[in-house]
Amino acid sequence: MRTGPKYKIARRLGDAGIFSKTQSPKFALSEQRKVKKPVRGKKRGGRSEYGTQLIEKQKVRFTYGINERQLSNYVKKSHKDKRIPPGVNLYRQLESRLDNVVYKMGLVTTRPFARQLVSHGHVMVNERRVTIPSYTVSVGDVISLRDQSKTSKAFVNLSERLKESQAPTWVNVDNDAFSGKVVKEIGEVDEARTLNLGAVIEFYSRV
């Protein structure tokens, strides 16, 4: 998914955590320089409920690197299981994407890199190569790097880096084998504190 100028997008959405590039001191410094003094006598209106929901929708899209159609489909599916709140169901769908799992395991440092890794055939699920970033990972699945890919320069000192990374509780990572097993169902929205998935659900209920 093409995103455009990351600085401008993060600034517009008011969230520096969307991209790895905007989590840098350089971005923070650029934001400080752009702070303007309020114009005397000029009042700024608050954002509407619809505007807030639109912003939250865009945050989710850019955080997970998905397009409008994909997010819309995820939201529709989130309503199918009545036993689970739609927001939790949506979160589980987003988190169980293969590219996100590769990222959360600590094999790479960004979701875009994880997406590229999967697309180029470097990732295996249950010892079978999967090249679809949106592939849904399930409990019991084992995600690993191809043996031929482990010697790539991109994974130099990966074992040491994995020891320093903190994977979510639903996946057990083998630091030496560069692999991980999904051991339980993804929990509630505890790792997306900056994302208001309820607002995203409400946005799509309007259309």
N, C-alpha and C. Protein backbone atom coordinates (compact mmCIF):
# COMPACT_ATOMS: atom_id res chain seq x y z
N MET A 1 0.83 -1.20 0.00
CA MET A 1 0.00 0.00 0.00
C MET A 1 0.87 1.25 0.00
N ARG A 2 0.65 2.13 -0.95
CA ARG A 2 1.40 3.39 -1.01
C ARG A 2 0.81 4.35 0.01
N THR A 3 1.68 4.96 0.80
CA THR A 3 1.19 5.81 1.89
C THR A 3 1.39 7.29 1.65
N GLY A 4 2.37 7.67 0.85
CA GLY A 4 2.63 9.08 0.65
C GLY A 4 3.59 9.61 1.70
N PRO A 5 3.70 10.94 1.84
CA PRO A 5 4.65 11.54 2.78
C PRO A 5 4.29 11.19 4.23
N LYS A 6 5.12 10.40 4.89
CA LYS A 6 4.81 9.90 6.22
C LYS A 6 4.73 11.00 7.27
N TYR A 7 5.60 12.01 7.16
CA TYR A 7 5.57 13.11 8.13
C TYR A 7 4.21 13.82 8.08
N LYS A 8 3.75 14.10 6.87
CA LYS A 8 2.49 14.82 6.72
C LYS A 8 1.31 14.00 7.22
N ILE A 9 1.34 12.69 6.93
CA ILE A 9 0.24 11.83 7.36
C ILE A 9 0.19 11.74 8.88
N ALA A 10 1.34 11.50 9.51
CA ALA A 10 1.38 11.38 10.97
C ALA A 10 0.96 12.69 11.62
N ARG A 11 1.35 13.80 11.02
CA ARG A 11 1.00 15.12 11.58
C ARG A 11 -0.51 15.35 11.46
N ARG A 12 -1.07 14.96 10.31
CA ARG A 12 -2.50 15.16 10.09
C ARG A 12 -3.35 14.30 11.03
N LEU A 13 -2.87 13.09 11.29
CA LEU A 13 -3.61 12.17 12.15
C LEU A 13 -3.29 12.35 13.63
N GLY A 14 -2.27 13.15 13.91
CA GLY A 14 -1.92 13.43 15.30
C GLY A 14 -1.36 12.24 16.04
N ASP A 15 -0.64 11.36 15.34
CA ASP A 15 -0.09 10.16 15.97
C ASP A 15 1.27 9.83 15.36
N ALA A 16 2.31 10.06 16.13
CA ALA A 16 3.67 9.81 15.64
C ALA A 16 4.01 8.33 15.64
N GLY A 17 3.17 7.50 16.25
CA GLY A 17 3.48 6.08 16.35
C GLY A 17 3.06 5.26 15.16
N ILE A 18 2.45 5.88 14.17
CA ILE A 18 1.96 5.13 13.01
C ILE A 18 3.10 4.53 12.19
N PHE A 19 4.14 5.30 11.95
CA PHE A 19 5.27 4.83 11.15
C PHE A 19 6.53 4.83 12.01
N SER A 20 7.46 3.93 11.70
CA SER A 20 8.73 3.90 12.42
C SER A 20 9.52 5.18 12.16
N LYS A 21 9.36 5.72 10.95
CA LYS A 21 10.08 6.95 10.59
C LYS A 21 9.66 8.13 11.45
N THR A 22 8.38 8.16 11.85
CA THR A 22 7.88 9.31 12.62
C THR A 22 8.05 9.10 14.12
N GLN A 23 8.66 8.00 14.52
CA GLN A 23 8.95 7.77 15.94
C GLN A 23 10.36 8.23 16.30
N SER A 24 11.00 8.90 15.36
CA SER A 24 12.39 9.32 15.54
C SER A 24 12.49 10.71 16.18
N PRO A 25 13.63 11.00 16.80
CA PRO A 25 13.85 12.34 17.36
C PRO A 25 13.77 13.43 16.28
N LYS A 26 14.13 13.06 15.05
CA LYS A 26 14.09 14.03 13.95
C LYS A 26 12.68 14.53 13.72
N PHE A 27 11.71 13.60 13.77
CA PHE A 27 10.32 14.00 13.57
C PHE A 27 9.84 14.85 14.74
N ALA A 28 10.20 14.45 15.95
CA ALA A 28 9.80 15.22 17.13
C ALA A 28 10.33 16.64 17.06
N LEU A 29 11.58 16.77 16.59
CA LEU A 29 12.18 18.10 16.47
C LEU A 29 11.47 18.92 15.40
N SER A 30 11.10 18.28 14.30
CA SER A 30 10.40 19.00 13.24
C SER A 30 9.03 19.48 13.72
N GLU A 31 8.40 18.70 14.61
CA GLU A 31 7.10 19.09 15.15
C GLU A 31 7.23 20.30 16.07
N GLN A 32 8.30 20.32 16.85
CA GLN A 32 8.53 21.45 17.76
C GLN A 32 8.72 22.74 16.98
N ARG A 33 9.38 22.64 15.86
CA ARG A 33 9.63 23.83 15.04
C ARG A 33 8.37 24.33 14.37
N LYS A 34 7.40 23.43 14.19
CA LYS A 34 6.17 23.83 13.50
C LYS A 34 5.09 24.34 14.44
N VAL A 35 5.36 24.29 15.75
CA VAL A 35 4.38 24.79 16.70
C VAL A 35 4.21 26.29 16.51
N LYS A 36 2.99 26.73 16.28
CA LYS A 36 2.73 28.14 16.03
C LYS A 36 1.94 28.73 17.19
N LYS A 37 2.17 29.98 17.45
CA LYS A 37 1.41 30.67 18.49
C LYS A 37 -0.01 30.87 18.00
N PRO A 38 -0.99 30.72 18.89
CA PRO A 38 -2.39 30.91 18.47
C PRO A 38 -2.65 32.33 18.03
N VAL A 39 -3.46 32.46 17.01
CA VAL A 39 -3.79 33.78 16.50
C VAL A 39 -4.83 34.41 17.42
N ARG A 40 -4.54 35.61 17.92
CA ARG A 40 -5.43 36.26 18.87
C ARG A 40 -6.79 36.55 18.23
N GLY A 41 -7.83 36.17 18.96
CA GLY A 41 -9.18 36.44 18.49
C GLY A 41 -9.73 35.39 17.54
N LYS A 42 -8.92 34.39 17.18
CA LYS A 42 -9.37 33.36 16.24
C LYS A 42 -9.60 32.05 16.99
N LYS A 43 -10.80 31.53 16.91
CA LYS A 43 -11.14 30.30 17.60
C LYS A 43 -11.21 29.15 16.59
N ARG A 44 -10.74 28.00 17.07
CA ARG A 44 -10.78 26.83 16.21
C ARG A 44 -11.88 25.90 16.71
N GLY A 45 -12.75 25.49 15.81
CA GLY A 45 -13.83 24.61 16.20
C GLY A 45 -13.33 23.21 16.51
N GLY A 46 -14.03 22.49 17.39
CA GLY A 46 -13.65 21.13 17.72
C GLY A 46 -13.98 20.19 16.58
N ARG A 47 -13.34 19.04 16.59
CA ARG A 47 -13.55 18.06 15.54
C ARG A 47 -14.89 17.36 15.76
N SER A 48 -15.63 17.11 14.71
CA SER A 48 -16.92 16.44 14.81
C SER A 48 -16.71 14.96 15.12
N GLU A 49 -17.79 14.30 15.52
CA GLU A 49 -17.73 12.87 15.82
C GLU A 49 -17.32 12.08 14.58
N TYR A 50 -17.89 12.47 13.45
CA TYR A 50 -17.53 11.81 12.19
C TYR A 50 -16.05 12.03 11.87
N GLY A 51 -15.58 13.26 12.08
CA GLY A 51 -14.17 13.57 11.81
C GLY A 51 -13.24 12.75 12.68
N THR A 52 -13.61 12.57 13.95
CA THR A 52 -12.80 11.76 14.86
C THR A 52 -12.76 10.31 14.40
N GLN A 53 -13.90 9.78 14.00
CA GLN A 53 -13.96 8.40 13.53
C GLN A 53 -13.15 8.21 12.26
N LEU A 54 -13.19 9.19 11.38
CA LEU A 54 -12.41 9.13 10.14
C LEU A 54 -10.92 9.09 10.45
N ILE A 55 -10.50 9.92 11.39
CA ILE A 55 -9.09 9.94 11.79
C ILE A 55 -8.67 8.57 12.34
N GLU A 56 -9.50 8.00 13.21
CA GLU A 56 -9.18 6.70 13.81
C GLU A 56 -9.11 5.61 12.75
N LYS A 57 -9.99 5.69 11.76
CA LYS A 57 -9.96 4.71 10.67
C LYS A 57 -8.64 4.79 9.91
N GLN A 58 -8.21 6.01 9.63
CA GLN A 58 -6.96 6.19 8.90
C GLN A 58 -5.76 5.74 9.72
N LYS A 59 -5.82 5.95 11.03
CA LYS A 59 -4.73 5.48 11.90
C LYS A 59 -4.56 3.97 11.78
N VAL A 60 -5.68 3.26 11.81
CA VAL A 60 -5.64 1.80 11.71
C VAL A 60 -5.08 1.38 10.36
N ARG A 61 -5.56 2.03 9.29
CA ARG A 61 -5.09 1.67 7.95
C ARG A 61 -3.58 1.82 7.82
N PHE A 62 -3.06 2.96 8.27
CA PHE A 62 -1.64 3.21 8.10
C PHE A 62 -0.79 2.42 9.09
N THR A 63 -1.32 2.13 10.27
CA THR A 63 -0.58 1.34 11.24
C THR A 63 -0.33 -0.07 10.71
N TYR A 64 -1.38 -0.69 10.15
CA TYR A 64 -1.25 -2.07 9.67
C TYR A 64 -0.92 -2.15 8.18
N GLY A 65 -0.89 -1.02 7.50
CA GLY A 65 -0.52 -1.02 6.08
C GLY A 65 -1.54 -1.69 5.20
N ILE A 66 -2.83 -1.42 5.44
CA ILE A 66 -3.88 -2.05 4.66
C ILE A 66 -4.69 -0.98 3.92
N ASN A 67 -5.38 -1.40 2.87
CA ASN A 67 -6.15 -0.43 2.09
C ASN A 67 -7.60 -0.37 2.60
N GLU A 68 -8.36 0.51 2.01
CA GLU A 68 -9.74 0.75 2.44
C GLU A 68 -10.60 -0.51 2.32
N ARG A 69 -10.48 -1.20 1.22
CA ARG A 69 -11.29 -2.40 1.01
C ARG A 69 -10.98 -3.48 2.04
N GLN A 70 -9.70 -3.66 2.34
CA GLN A 70 -9.32 -4.67 3.33
C GLN A 70 -9.90 -4.35 4.70
N LEU A 71 -9.78 -3.08 5.12
CA LEU A 71 -10.29 -2.70 6.43
C LEU A 71 -11.81 -2.86 6.48
N SER A 72 -12.48 -2.46 5.42
CA SER A 72 -13.94 -2.60 5.36
C SER A 72 -14.35 -4.06 5.50
N ASN A 73 -13.62 -4.95 4.84
CA ASN A 73 -13.94 -6.38 4.94
C ASN A 73 -13.69 -6.91 6.35
N TYR A 74 -12.61 -6.45 6.98
CA TYR A 74 -12.33 -6.88 8.35
C TYR A 74 -13.45 -6.44 9.29
N VAL A 75 -13.94 -5.22 9.10
CA VAL A 75 -15.02 -4.72 9.95
C VAL A 75 -16.29 -5.54 9.75
N LYS A 76 -16.60 -5.88 8.51
CA LYS A 76 -17.80 -6.69 8.24
C LYS A 76 -17.68 -8.04 8.94
N LYS A 77 -16.52 -8.65 8.87
CA LYS A 77 -16.32 -9.96 9.51
C LYS A 77 -16.37 -9.86 11.03
N SER A 78 -16.02 -8.70 11.56
CA SER A 78 -15.98 -8.53 13.01
C SER A 78 -17.35 -8.64 13.66
N HIS A 79 -18.42 -8.49 12.85
CA HIS A 79 -19.78 -8.57 13.38
C HIS A 79 -20.36 -9.99 13.32
N LYS A 80 -19.67 -10.90 12.68
CA LYS A 80 -20.24 -12.23 12.45
C LYS A 80 -20.29 -13.09 13.71
N ASP A 81 -19.27 -12.99 14.55
CA ASP A 81 -19.25 -13.78 15.79
C ASP A 81 -19.85 -12.94 16.91
N LYS A 82 -21.10 -13.23 17.26
CA LYS A 82 -21.82 -12.43 18.24
C LYS A 82 -21.30 -12.61 19.66
N ARG A 83 -20.47 -13.64 19.87
CA ARG A 83 -19.94 -13.89 21.21
C ARG A 83 -18.80 -12.94 21.56
N ILE A 84 -18.22 -12.31 20.54
CA ILE A 84 -17.05 -11.46 20.73
C ILE A 84 -17.40 -10.04 20.33
N PRO A 85 -17.07 -9.03 21.15
CA PRO A 85 -17.32 -7.64 20.75
C PRO A 85 -16.63 -7.33 19.43
N PRO A 86 -17.29 -6.58 18.54
CA PRO A 86 -16.71 -6.30 17.22
C PRO A 86 -15.31 -5.69 17.29
N GLY A 87 -15.08 -4.80 18.26
CA GLY A 87 -13.76 -4.18 18.37
C GLY A 87 -12.67 -5.19 18.66
N VAL A 88 -12.96 -6.16 19.53
CA VAL A 88 -12.00 -7.21 19.86
C VAL A 88 -11.78 -8.11 18.66
N ASN A 89 -12.87 -8.44 17.98
CA ASN A 89 -12.77 -9.30 16.80
C ASN A 89 -11.94 -8.63 15.70
N LEU A 90 -12.17 -7.33 15.51
CA LEU A 90 -11.39 -6.58 14.52
C LEU A 90 -9.91 -6.59 14.87
N TYR A 91 -9.62 -6.36 16.14
CA TYR A 91 -8.23 -6.37 16.61
C TYR A 91 -7.56 -7.72 16.34
N ARG A 92 -8.28 -8.80 16.61
CA ARG A 92 -7.72 -10.13 16.41
C ARG A 92 -7.43 -10.39 14.93
N GLN A 93 -8.32 -9.93 14.07
CA GLN A 93 -8.09 -10.12 12.63
C GLN A 93 -6.84 -9.37 12.17
N LEU A 94 -6.69 -8.14 12.65
CA LEU A 94 -5.54 -7.33 12.25
C LEU A 94 -4.23 -7.92 12.80
N GLU A 95 -4.26 -8.35 14.04
CA GLU A 95 -3.06 -8.87 14.67
C GLU A 95 -2.65 -10.24 14.11
N SER A 96 -3.62 -11.01 13.63
CA SER A 96 -3.31 -12.35 13.13
C SER A 96 -2.87 -12.37 11.68
N ARG A 97 -2.75 -11.19 11.05
CA ARG A 97 -2.16 -11.13 9.71
C ARG A 97 -0.72 -11.63 9.79
N LEU A 98 -0.30 -12.38 8.79
CA LEU A 98 1.04 -12.95 8.82
C LEU A 98 2.12 -11.88 8.90
N ASP A 99 1.97 -10.80 8.14
CA ASP A 99 3.01 -9.76 8.19
C ASP A 99 3.11 -9.15 9.59
N ASN A 100 1.96 -8.99 10.25
CA ASN A 100 1.99 -8.43 11.61
C ASN A 100 2.63 -9.40 12.59
N VAL A 101 2.33 -10.70 12.44
CA VAL A 101 2.91 -11.70 13.35
C VAL A 101 4.44 -11.74 13.20
N VAL A 102 4.91 -11.68 11.96
CA VAL A 102 6.36 -11.64 11.72
C VAL A 102 6.98 -10.43 12.41
N TYR A 103 6.30 -9.30 12.33
CA TYR A 103 6.76 -8.08 12.99
C TYR A 103 6.72 -8.22 14.51
N LYS A 104 5.62 -8.75 15.04
CA LYS A 104 5.48 -8.88 16.49
C LYS A 104 6.46 -9.91 17.07
N MET A 105 6.86 -10.88 16.27
CA MET A 105 7.85 -11.85 16.73
C MET A 105 9.22 -11.23 16.90
N GLY A 106 9.45 -10.11 16.23
CA GLY A 106 10.74 -9.44 16.31
C GLY A 106 11.70 -9.82 15.21
N LEU A 107 11.20 -10.55 14.19
CA LEU A 107 12.08 -10.94 13.08
C LEU A 107 12.53 -9.73 12.29
N VAL A 108 11.69 -8.69 12.26
CA VAL A 108 12.02 -7.43 11.58
C VAL A 108 11.57 -6.28 12.47
N THR A 109 11.98 -5.08 12.12
CA THR A 109 11.71 -3.94 12.99
C THR A 109 10.50 -3.11 12.57
N THR A 110 9.95 -3.37 11.37
CA THR A 110 8.79 -2.61 10.90
C THR A 110 7.81 -3.53 10.19
N ARG A 111 6.55 -3.15 10.17
CA ARG A 111 5.56 -3.93 9.43
C ARG A 111 5.79 -3.89 7.92
N PRO A 112 6.17 -2.73 7.33
CA PRO A 112 6.45 -2.74 5.89
C PRO A 112 7.54 -3.74 5.50
N PHE A 113 8.57 -3.85 6.34
CA PHE A 113 9.64 -4.80 6.07
C PHE A 113 9.09 -6.22 6.18
N ALA A 114 8.21 -6.45 7.17
CA ALA A 114 7.61 -7.77 7.33
C ALA A 114 6.77 -8.13 6.11
N ARG A 115 6.02 -7.16 5.61
CA ARG A 115 5.18 -7.38 4.43
C ARG A 115 6.05 -7.74 3.22
N GLN A 116 7.16 -7.05 3.07
CA GLN A 116 8.08 -7.32 1.97
C GLN A 116 8.69 -8.71 2.11
N LEU A 117 9.02 -9.06 3.34
CA LEU A 117 9.64 -10.36 3.62
C LEU A 117 8.70 -11.49 3.21
N VAL A 118 7.44 -11.35 3.58
CA VAL A 118 6.45 -12.38 3.23
C VAL A 118 6.25 -12.43 1.72
N SER A 119 6.06 -11.28 1.10
CA SER A 119 5.80 -11.22 -0.33
C SER A 119 6.91 -11.84 -1.16
N HIS A 120 8.14 -11.73 -0.68
CA HIS A 120 9.29 -12.25 -1.42
C HIS A 120 9.59 -13.71 -1.09
N GLY A 121 8.72 -14.34 -0.31
CA GLY A 121 8.85 -15.77 -0.10
C GLY A 121 9.85 -16.20 0.95
N HIS A 122 10.18 -15.33 1.89
CA HIS A 122 11.15 -15.68 2.93
C HIS A 122 10.53 -16.32 4.16
N VAL A 123 9.20 -16.34 4.24
CA VAL A 123 8.52 -16.79 5.46
C VAL A 123 7.77 -18.10 5.22
N MET A 124 7.85 -18.99 6.21
CA MET A 124 7.17 -20.27 6.16
C MET A 124 6.12 -20.34 7.26
N VAL A 125 4.99 -20.97 6.95
CA VAL A 125 3.97 -21.28 7.95
C VAL A 125 3.77 -22.79 7.94
N ASN A 126 4.09 -23.43 9.06
CA ASN A 126 4.01 -24.90 9.15
C ASN A 126 4.82 -25.56 8.05
N GLU A 127 6.02 -24.98 7.82
CA GLU A 127 7.00 -25.50 6.86
C GLU A 127 6.56 -25.38 5.40
N ARG A 128 5.58 -24.53 5.16
CA ARG A 128 5.16 -24.26 3.79
C ARG A 128 5.31 -22.77 3.52
N ARG A 129 5.86 -22.44 2.36
CA ARG A 129 6.08 -21.04 2.05
C ARG A 129 4.75 -20.33 1.79
N VAL A 130 4.58 -19.16 2.42
CA VAL A 130 3.38 -18.36 2.24
C VAL A 130 3.82 -16.97 1.79
N THR A 131 3.25 -16.50 0.70
CA THR A 131 3.67 -15.20 0.15
C THR A 131 2.55 -14.15 0.22
N ILE A 132 1.54 -14.41 1.03
CA ILE A 132 0.42 -13.48 1.16
C ILE A 132 0.48 -12.79 2.52
N PRO A 133 0.81 -11.51 2.57
CA PRO A 133 0.94 -10.81 3.85
C PRO A 133 -0.32 -10.85 4.70
N SER A 134 -1.50 -10.89 4.07
CA SER A 134 -2.76 -10.87 4.81
C SER A 134 -3.19 -12.26 5.28
N TYR A 135 -2.38 -13.28 5.01
CA TYR A 135 -2.69 -14.64 5.44
C TYR A 135 -2.99 -14.67 6.94
N THR A 136 -4.08 -15.33 7.33
CA THR A 136 -4.48 -15.37 8.73
C THR A 136 -3.81 -16.52 9.46
N VAL A 137 -3.07 -16.18 10.50
CA VAL A 137 -2.37 -17.17 11.31
C VAL A 137 -3.30 -17.64 12.43
N SER A 138 -3.28 -18.95 12.70
CA SER A 138 -4.17 -19.54 13.71
C SER A 138 -3.36 -20.16 14.85
N VAL A 139 -4.06 -20.46 15.93
CA VAL A 139 -3.42 -21.12 17.07
C VAL A 139 -2.82 -22.45 16.61
N GLY A 140 -1.58 -22.71 17.00
CA GLY A 140 -0.89 -23.93 16.62
C GLY A 140 0.04 -23.75 15.43
N ASP A 141 -0.12 -22.67 14.68
CA ASP A 141 0.74 -22.43 13.52
C ASP A 141 2.16 -22.08 13.96
N VAL A 142 3.12 -22.56 13.18
CA VAL A 142 4.54 -22.25 13.42
C VAL A 142 5.03 -21.39 12.27
N ILE A 143 5.54 -20.22 12.62
CA ILE A 143 6.03 -19.26 11.62
C ILE A 143 7.55 -19.23 11.71
N SER A 144 8.21 -19.35 10.56
CA SER A 144 9.67 -19.39 10.56
C SER A 144 10.21 -18.78 9.27
N LEU A 145 11.52 -18.57 9.28
CA LEU A 145 12.21 -18.12 8.08
C LEU A 145 12.67 -19.32 7.26
N ARG A 146 12.69 -19.18 5.95
CA ARG A 146 13.26 -20.23 5.10
C ARG A 146 14.72 -20.41 5.45
N ASP A 147 15.20 -21.63 5.37
CA ASP A 147 16.60 -21.90 5.69
C ASP A 147 17.53 -21.07 4.81
N GLN A 148 17.17 -20.93 3.51
CA GLN A 148 18.01 -20.17 2.58
C GLN A 148 18.04 -18.68 2.94
N SER A 149 17.00 -18.22 3.63
CA SER A 149 16.92 -16.79 3.95
C SER A 149 17.68 -16.42 5.22
N LYS A 150 17.96 -17.39 6.05
CA LYS A 150 18.59 -17.12 7.34
C LYS A 150 20.01 -16.56 7.20
N THR A 151 20.63 -16.83 6.06
CA THR A 151 22.00 -16.34 5.85
C THR A 151 22.04 -14.94 5.26
N SER A 152 20.89 -14.36 5.02
CA SER A 152 20.83 -13.00 4.45
C SER A 152 21.42 -11.98 5.41
N LYS A 153 21.97 -10.92 4.86
CA LYS A 153 22.56 -9.86 5.68
C LYS A 153 21.52 -9.20 6.58
N ALA A 154 20.27 -9.27 6.16
CA ALA A 154 19.19 -8.64 6.94
C ALA A 154 19.01 -9.31 8.29
N PHE A 155 19.52 -10.54 8.44
CA PHE A 155 19.31 -11.28 9.68
C PHE A 155 20.60 -11.53 10.46
N VAL A 156 21.60 -10.75 10.18
CA VAL A 156 22.84 -10.83 10.95
C VAL A 156 22.54 -10.42 12.39
N ASN A 157 22.99 -11.23 13.33
CA ASN A 157 22.77 -10.98 14.77
C ASN A 157 21.30 -10.99 15.16
N LEU A 158 20.47 -11.65 14.35
CA LEU A 158 19.04 -11.69 14.65
C LEU A 158 18.77 -12.41 15.96
N SER A 159 19.51 -13.48 16.22
CA SER A 159 19.30 -14.23 17.46
C SER A 159 19.47 -13.35 18.69
N GLU A 160 20.48 -12.49 18.65
CA GLU A 160 20.70 -11.58 19.79
C GLU A 160 19.60 -10.53 19.87
N ARG A 161 19.17 -10.05 18.73
CA ARG A 161 18.11 -9.04 18.72
C ARG A 161 16.79 -9.61 19.22
N LEU A 162 16.53 -10.89 18.92
CA LEU A 162 15.30 -11.52 19.37
C LEU A 162 15.27 -11.64 20.89
N LYS A 163 16.44 -11.87 21.48
CA LYS A 163 16.51 -11.98 22.93
C LYS A 163 16.15 -10.66 23.61
N GLU A 164 16.39 -9.56 22.92
CA GLU A 164 16.11 -8.25 23.49
C GLU A 164 14.69 -7.77 23.19
N SER A 165 14.04 -8.39 22.20
CA SER A 165 12.68 -7.98 21.84
C SER A 165 11.66 -8.67 22.74
N GLN A 166 10.48 -8.11 22.83
CA GLN A 166 9.43 -8.66 23.68
C GLN A 166 8.21 -9.00 22.82
N ALA A 167 8.06 -10.28 22.56
CA ALA A 167 6.93 -10.75 21.73
C ALA A 167 5.67 -10.80 22.59
N PRO A 168 4.49 -10.69 21.98
CA PRO A 168 3.24 -10.80 22.74
C PRO A 168 3.10 -12.19 23.35
N THR A 169 2.25 -12.30 24.36
CA THR A 169 2.11 -13.56 25.10
C THR A 169 1.50 -14.68 24.28
N TRP A 170 0.86 -14.34 23.16
CA TRP A 170 0.20 -15.39 22.38
C TRP A 170 1.13 -16.10 21.39
N VAL A 171 2.39 -15.71 21.35
CA VAL A 171 3.34 -16.40 20.47
C VAL A 171 4.63 -16.68 21.23
N ASN A 172 5.09 -17.93 21.15
CA ASN A 172 6.36 -18.32 21.75
C ASN A 172 7.44 -18.30 20.68
N VAL A 173 8.49 -17.53 20.92
CA VAL A 173 9.54 -17.35 19.92
C VAL A 173 10.77 -18.16 20.29
N ASP A 174 11.30 -18.91 19.34
CA ASP A 174 12.57 -19.63 19.50
C ASP A 174 13.65 -18.74 18.91
N ASN A 175 14.42 -18.11 19.77
CA ASN A 175 15.40 -17.12 19.32
C ASN A 175 16.47 -17.72 18.41
N ASP A 176 16.84 -18.97 18.65
CA ASP A 176 17.91 -19.57 17.87
C ASP A 176 17.43 -20.14 16.54
N ALA A 177 16.17 -20.58 16.50
CA ALA A 177 15.63 -21.16 15.27
C ALA A 177 14.96 -20.12 14.38
N PHE A 178 14.86 -18.86 14.87
CA PHE A 178 14.18 -17.80 14.12
C PHE A 178 12.75 -18.21 13.78
N SER A 179 12.06 -18.76 14.76
CA SER A 179 10.70 -19.22 14.53
C SER A 179 9.83 -18.91 15.74
N GLY A 180 8.53 -19.01 15.54
CA GLY A 180 7.60 -18.77 16.63
C GLY A 180 6.33 -19.58 16.44
N LYS A 181 5.71 -19.96 17.56
CA LYS A 181 4.47 -20.74 17.50
C LYS A 181 3.36 -19.97 18.19
N VAL A 182 2.22 -19.85 17.52
CA VAL A 182 1.06 -19.19 18.11
C VAL A 182 0.45 -20.18 19.10
N VAL A 183 0.52 -19.84 20.39
CA VAL A 183 0.14 -20.80 21.43
C VAL A 183 -1.25 -20.56 22.01
N LYS A 184 -1.83 -19.39 21.75
CA LYS A 184 -3.18 -19.16 22.26
C LYS A 184 -3.86 -18.05 21.47
N GLU A 185 -5.15 -17.89 21.71
CA GLU A 185 -5.93 -16.88 21.02
C GLU A 185 -5.42 -15.49 21.38
N ILE A 186 -5.38 -14.62 20.39
CA ILE A 186 -4.98 -13.24 20.63
C ILE A 186 -5.98 -12.60 21.59
N GLY A 187 -5.46 -11.88 22.58
CA GLY A 187 -6.31 -11.31 23.62
C GLY A 187 -7.08 -10.10 23.16
N GLU A 188 -7.58 -9.36 24.14
CA GLU A 188 -8.32 -8.15 23.82
C GLU A 188 -7.35 -7.03 23.43
N VAL A 189 -7.89 -5.89 23.16
CA VAL A 189 -7.09 -4.78 22.64
C VAL A 189 -6.22 -4.22 23.75
N ASP A 190 -5.10 -4.89 24.00
CA ASP A 190 -4.19 -4.43 25.04
C ASP A 190 -2.88 -3.91 24.47
N GLU A 191 -2.67 -4.10 23.18
CA GLU A 191 -1.42 -3.67 22.56
C GLU A 191 -1.64 -2.56 21.55
N ALA A 192 -2.86 -2.07 21.46
CA ALA A 192 -3.15 -1.01 20.49
C ALA A 192 -3.78 0.17 21.22
N ARG A 193 -3.12 0.61 22.26
CA ARG A 193 -3.69 1.65 23.12
C ARG A 193 -3.92 2.96 22.37
N THR A 194 -3.19 3.18 21.32
CA THR A 194 -3.36 4.43 20.57
C THR A 194 -4.43 4.33 19.50
N LEU A 195 -5.00 3.14 19.34
CA LEU A 195 -6.01 2.93 18.30
C LEU A 195 -7.39 2.77 18.94
N ASN A 196 -8.33 3.54 18.46
CA ASN A 196 -9.71 3.47 18.94
C ASN A 196 -10.52 2.66 17.95
N LEU A 197 -10.51 1.33 18.13
CA LEU A 197 -11.18 0.46 17.17
C LEU A 197 -12.69 0.58 17.26
N GLY A 198 -13.20 0.99 18.42
CA GLY A 198 -14.64 1.22 18.55
C GLY A 198 -15.10 2.31 17.62
N ALA A 199 -14.28 3.37 17.49
CA ALA A 199 -14.62 4.48 16.59
C ALA A 199 -14.59 4.01 15.13
N VAL A 200 -13.70 3.07 14.83
CA VAL A 200 -13.62 2.53 13.47
C VAL A 200 -14.90 1.74 13.15
N ILE A 201 -15.34 0.94 14.11
CA ILE A 201 -16.58 0.19 13.93
C ILE A 201 -17.75 1.15 13.69
N GLU A 202 -17.80 2.21 14.47
CA GLU A 202 -18.88 3.19 14.34
C GLU A 202 -18.83 3.90 13.00
N PHE A 203 -17.62 4.17 12.51
CA PHE A 203 -17.47 4.84 11.22
C PHE A 203 -18.14 4.03 10.11
N TYR A 204 -17.87 2.73 10.09
CA TYR A 204 -18.42 1.89 9.03
C TYR A 204 -19.90 1.59 9.22
N SER A 205 -20.42 1.81 10.42
CA SER A 205 -21.85 1.61 10.64
C SER A 205 -22.66 2.73 10.00
N ARG A 206 -21.98 3.85 9.65
CA ARG A 206 -22.65 4.99 9.01
C ARG A 206 -22.85 4.74 7.52
N VAL A 207 -22.03 3.89 6.95
CA VAL A 207 -22.07 3.73 5.49
C VAL A 207 -22.71 2.41 5.08
